[in-house]
Amino acid sequence: MNVYDFDGTICYPDSSVNFAIYCMNHHPHLWLTFFPKALWNLIRYKRGKMTRARMMLEFFTILRVKDFDRLIERYWNTHEKNISAWYLAQKKPDDLIISASPSCIIEPIARRLGVKFVATEYDREFGVLTDNLMFAKGKARYMIDHDFPVIENFYSDSLADTPIALCAEKAHLVTDKAQKVTDWPPLNPETMQKVRRKINTGWNVHI
């Protein structure tokens, strides 16, 4: 089984951010109500005043638009082209996408691709997470807890996914806007320092 991160790995740009822009363009009032708050939360996060998990939970409120189901299908109608050609050329039916993005965004494109997926579970009705964010160590923990088969190849654009890369027989780092695939870098002291920084400044999975 091959396992793929999604945003920045087989899809560019980030689907959650891109979909938020799509929603705001279709509902212009959101530029005045949603966008300023999202920008302020980003500033607070950069200043260390808010965890990334909390920032993203607030960001996910964009998913509560009333016509979400219609918008997400229309979004993927025009943005399915963002899926990288190298991935489409090697796609297999037993592929697994594992993403920190909300499942309501990932599910429609995974269905179109004909592959399985695991993503962050966000309840759009109540505006809460029903599980932890599927990020970094959380991904590896999920794979182990659910007794997944051996991972032959793992692909990601972020060193934060090193915990799950270590679960794979072979790991690949994706760069250049999801276009270039190379071997996962050796885990020497310099790389491990980058890994720790990526994970520790990433999403605190406990909201």
Protein backbone atom coordinates (compact mmCIF):
# COMPACT_ATOMS: atom_id res chain seq x y z
CA MET A 1 0.00 0.00 0.00
CA ASN A 2 1.24 3.50 -0.85
CA VAL A 3 0.32 6.37 1.48
CA TYR A 4 0.25 10.03 0.50
CA ASP A 5 -0.06 13.31 2.33
CA PHE A 6 -2.37 15.58 0.34
CA ASP A 7 -1.76 19.34 0.42
CA GLY A 8 1.63 20.23 -1.00
CA THR A 9 2.26 16.59 -1.85
CA ILE A 10 -0.20 15.51 -4.53
CA CYS A 11 -2.22 18.73 -4.61
CA TYR A 12 -1.03 22.34 -4.83
CA PRO A 13 -1.90 24.87 -3.48
CA ASP A 14 -3.37 24.04 -0.07
CA SER A 15 -6.95 22.89 -0.63
CA SER A 16 -8.36 24.27 2.64
CA VAL A 17 -7.00 27.77 2.04
CA ASN A 18 -7.91 27.65 -1.62
CA PHE A 19 -11.45 26.53 -0.85
CA ALA A 20 -11.82 29.32 1.72
CA ILE A 21 -10.92 31.85 -0.98
CA TYR A 22 -13.39 30.14 -3.31
CA CYS A 23 -16.13 30.49 -0.68
CA MET A 24 -15.35 34.15 -0.07
CA ASN A 25 -15.45 34.87 -3.79
CA HIS A 26 -18.89 33.27 -3.99
CA HIS A 27 -20.10 34.96 -0.78
CA PRO A 28 -18.37 38.38 -0.81
CA HIS A 29 -19.67 39.30 2.65
CA LEU A 30 -17.25 36.70 4.04
CA TRP A 31 -14.37 38.96 3.05
CA LEU A 32 -15.71 41.35 5.68
CA THR A 33 -16.79 38.84 8.32
CA PHE A 34 -14.56 35.77 8.04
CA PHE A 35 -11.33 37.08 6.49
CA PRO A 36 -10.37 39.78 9.07
CA LYS A 37 -10.78 37.30 11.93
CA ALA A 38 -8.80 34.62 10.11
CA LEU A 39 -6.01 37.12 9.42
CA TRP A 40 -5.96 38.27 13.06
CA ASN A 41 -5.78 34.65 14.25
CA LEU A 42 -2.85 34.07 11.89
CA ILE A 43 -1.04 37.09 13.38
CA ARG A 44 -1.73 35.81 16.91
CA TYR A 45 -0.36 32.40 15.95
CA LYS A 46 2.80 33.95 14.47
CA ARG A 47 3.29 35.87 17.71
CA GLY A 48 2.91 32.72 19.78
CA LYS A 49 -0.42 33.83 21.27
CA MET A 50 -2.47 31.00 19.74
CA THR A 51 -1.73 27.37 18.95
CA ARG A 52 -1.86 26.39 15.31
CA ALA A 53 -4.57 23.87 16.19
CA ARG A 54 -6.78 26.60 17.64
CA MET A 55 -6.07 28.86 14.68
CA MET A 56 -7.11 26.12 12.25
CA LEU A 57 -10.21 25.25 14.26
CA GLU A 58 -11.28 28.88 13.93
CA PHE A 59 -10.37 28.78 10.25
CA PHE A 60 -12.57 25.74 9.71
CA THR A 61 -15.66 27.84 10.49
CA ILE A 62 -15.63 28.76 6.79
CA LEU A 63 -16.83 25.20 6.18
CA ARG A 64 -20.15 26.02 7.84
CA VAL A 65 -21.46 27.95 4.83
CA LYS A 66 -25.02 26.83 4.12
CA ASP A 67 -24.35 25.76 0.54
CA PHE A 68 -21.16 23.87 1.38
CA ASP A 69 -22.16 20.65 -0.41
CA ARG A 70 -22.81 22.52 -3.65
CA LEU A 71 -19.69 24.65 -3.36
CA ILE A 72 -17.27 21.80 -2.60
CA GLU A 73 -18.38 19.83 -5.66
CA ARG A 74 -18.11 22.92 -7.86
CA TYR A 75 -14.72 23.68 -6.33
CA TRP A 76 -13.33 20.29 -7.28
CA ASN A 77 -14.90 20.55 -10.74
CA THR A 78 -12.54 23.45 -11.43
CA HIS A 79 -9.63 22.53 -9.14
CA GLU A 80 -9.23 18.81 -9.72
CA LYS A 81 -6.58 19.90 -12.21
CA ASN A 82 -4.42 20.78 -9.18
CA ILE A 83 -3.70 17.08 -8.61
CA SER A 84 -0.11 16.44 -9.67
CA ALA A 85 0.44 14.57 -12.94
CA TRP A 86 3.16 12.37 -11.41
CA TYR A 87 0.65 11.07 -8.88
CA LEU A 88 -2.05 10.38 -11.46
CA ALA A 89 0.49 8.40 -13.50
CA GLN A 90 1.18 6.02 -10.60
CA LYS A 91 -2.16 6.03 -8.75
CA LYS A 92 -3.37 2.64 -7.49
CA PRO A 93 -6.80 1.57 -6.15
CA ASP A 94 -5.37 0.73 -2.70
CA ASP A 95 -3.69 4.13 -2.24
CA LEU A 96 -4.40 5.90 1.02
CA ILE A 97 -4.50 9.69 1.38
CA ILE A 98 -3.89 10.79 4.97
CA SER A 99 -4.37 14.50 5.52
CA ALA A 100 -4.73 17.11 8.25
CA SER A 101 -7.29 18.88 6.07
CA PRO A 102 -10.96 18.33 6.96
CA SER A 103 -12.52 15.13 5.64
CA CYS A 104 -15.37 17.13 4.09
CA ILE A 105 -12.82 18.69 1.72
CA ILE A 106 -10.80 15.53 1.07
CA GLU A 107 -13.70 13.07 0.65
CA PRO A 108 -15.04 14.44 -2.67
CA ILE A 109 -11.65 14.39 -4.40
CA ALA A 110 -10.71 11.00 -2.92
CA ARG A 111 -14.00 9.66 -4.29
CA ARG A 112 -13.21 11.08 -7.72
CA LEU A 113 -9.73 9.56 -7.61
CA GLY A 114 -11.12 6.24 -6.46
CA VAL A 115 -8.82 5.94 -3.43
CA LYS A 116 -9.20 5.66 0.33
CA PHE A 117 -8.58 8.56 2.71
CA VAL A 118 -8.17 9.51 6.35
CA ALA A 119 -8.51 13.16 7.34
CA THR A 120 -9.35 15.46 10.23
CA GLU A 121 -12.93 14.98 11.34
CA TYR A 122 -14.71 18.32 11.68
CA ASP A 123 -18.41 18.54 12.56
CA ARG A 124 -19.74 21.36 10.39
CA GLU A 125 -23.04 21.52 12.25
CA PHE A 126 -21.52 22.17 15.67
CA GLY A 127 -18.19 23.62 14.58
CA VAL A 128 -16.06 21.20 16.58
CA LEU A 129 -13.44 18.54 15.94
CA THR A 130 -14.71 15.03 16.60
CA ASP A 131 -11.15 13.71 16.70
CA ASN A 132 -7.63 15.11 16.91
CA LEU A 133 -6.04 16.85 13.95
CA MET A 134 -4.45 14.30 11.62
CA PHE A 135 -0.99 15.83 11.82
CA ALA A 136 2.60 14.59 12.31
CA LYS A 137 2.73 12.03 15.13
CA GLY A 138 -1.06 11.81 15.00
CA LYS A 139 -0.86 10.25 11.54
CA ALA A 140 1.58 7.55 12.61
CA ARG A 141 -0.45 6.87 15.75
CA TYR A 142 -3.60 6.45 13.67
CA MET A 143 -1.89 4.00 11.32
CA ILE A 144 -0.60 1.91 14.21
CA ASP A 145 -3.85 2.00 16.22
CA HIS A 146 -5.88 0.88 13.22
CA ASP A 147 -3.52 -1.94 12.28
CA PHE A 148 -2.93 -0.81 8.70
CA PRO A 149 -0.96 -3.11 6.38
CA VAL A 150 2.69 -2.48 5.57
CA ILE A 151 3.32 0.88 3.90
CA GLU A 152 5.43 0.31 0.81
CA ASN A 153 5.90 3.99 -0.09
CA PHE A 154 5.07 7.18 1.79
CA TYR A 155 5.04 10.63 0.19
CA SER A 156 4.91 14.02 1.93
CA ASP A 157 6.09 17.58 1.46
CA SER A 158 6.86 18.12 5.14
CA LEU A 159 9.51 16.81 7.52
CA ALA A 160 6.80 17.01 10.18
CA ASP A 161 5.61 13.70 8.72
CA THR A 162 8.85 11.95 9.65
CA PRO A 163 7.03 9.80 12.27
CA ILE A 164 4.91 8.18 9.57
CA ALA A 165 7.82 8.14 7.10
CA LEU A 166 9.59 5.87 9.58
CA CYS A 167 6.65 3.46 9.33
CA ALA A 168 7.20 2.99 5.59
CA GLU A 169 9.56 0.73 3.68
CA LYS A 170 10.45 3.73 1.51
CA ALA A 171 9.72 7.44 2.06
CA HIS A 172 9.76 10.26 -0.47
CA LEU A 173 9.92 14.03 0.01
CA VAL A 174 7.87 16.14 -2.41
CA THR A 175 8.95 19.71 -3.20
CA ASP A 176 8.63 22.44 -5.85
CA LYS A 177 4.88 22.94 -5.53
CA ALA A 178 4.14 19.21 -5.52
CA GLN A 179 6.14 18.58 -8.68
CA LYS A 180 9.49 17.11 -7.57
CA VAL A 181 9.86 13.75 -5.78
CA THR A 182 13.13 12.79 -4.05
CA ASP A 183 14.21 10.33 -1.37
CA TRP A 184 13.50 11.23 2.25
CA PRO A 185 16.62 12.95 3.64
CA PRO A 186 18.92 11.01 5.99
CA LEU A 187 17.94 11.57 9.60
CA ASN A 188 21.23 13.10 10.68
CA PRO A 189 21.41 15.57 13.62
CA GLU A 190 20.79 18.57 11.35
CA THR A 191 17.71 17.00 9.76
CA MET A 192 16.37 15.84 13.13
CA GLN A 193 16.64 19.41 14.42
CA LYS A 194 14.45 20.51 11.52
CA VAL A 195 12.03 17.65 12.21
CA ARG A 196 11.65 18.61 15.87
CA ARG A 197 11.10 22.24 14.95
CA LYS A 198 8.47 21.32 12.36
CA ILE A 199 6.58 19.10 14.79
CA ASN A 200 6.90 21.30 17.88
CA THR A 201 5.80 24.47 16.07
CA GLY A 202 3.11 22.62 14.15
CA TRP A 203 -0.37 21.77 15.27
CA ASN A 204 -0.76 21.08 18.95
CA VAL A 205 -3.14 18.21 18.40
CA HIS A 206 -4.89 18.68 21.74
CA ILE A 207 -7.30 21.59 21.24
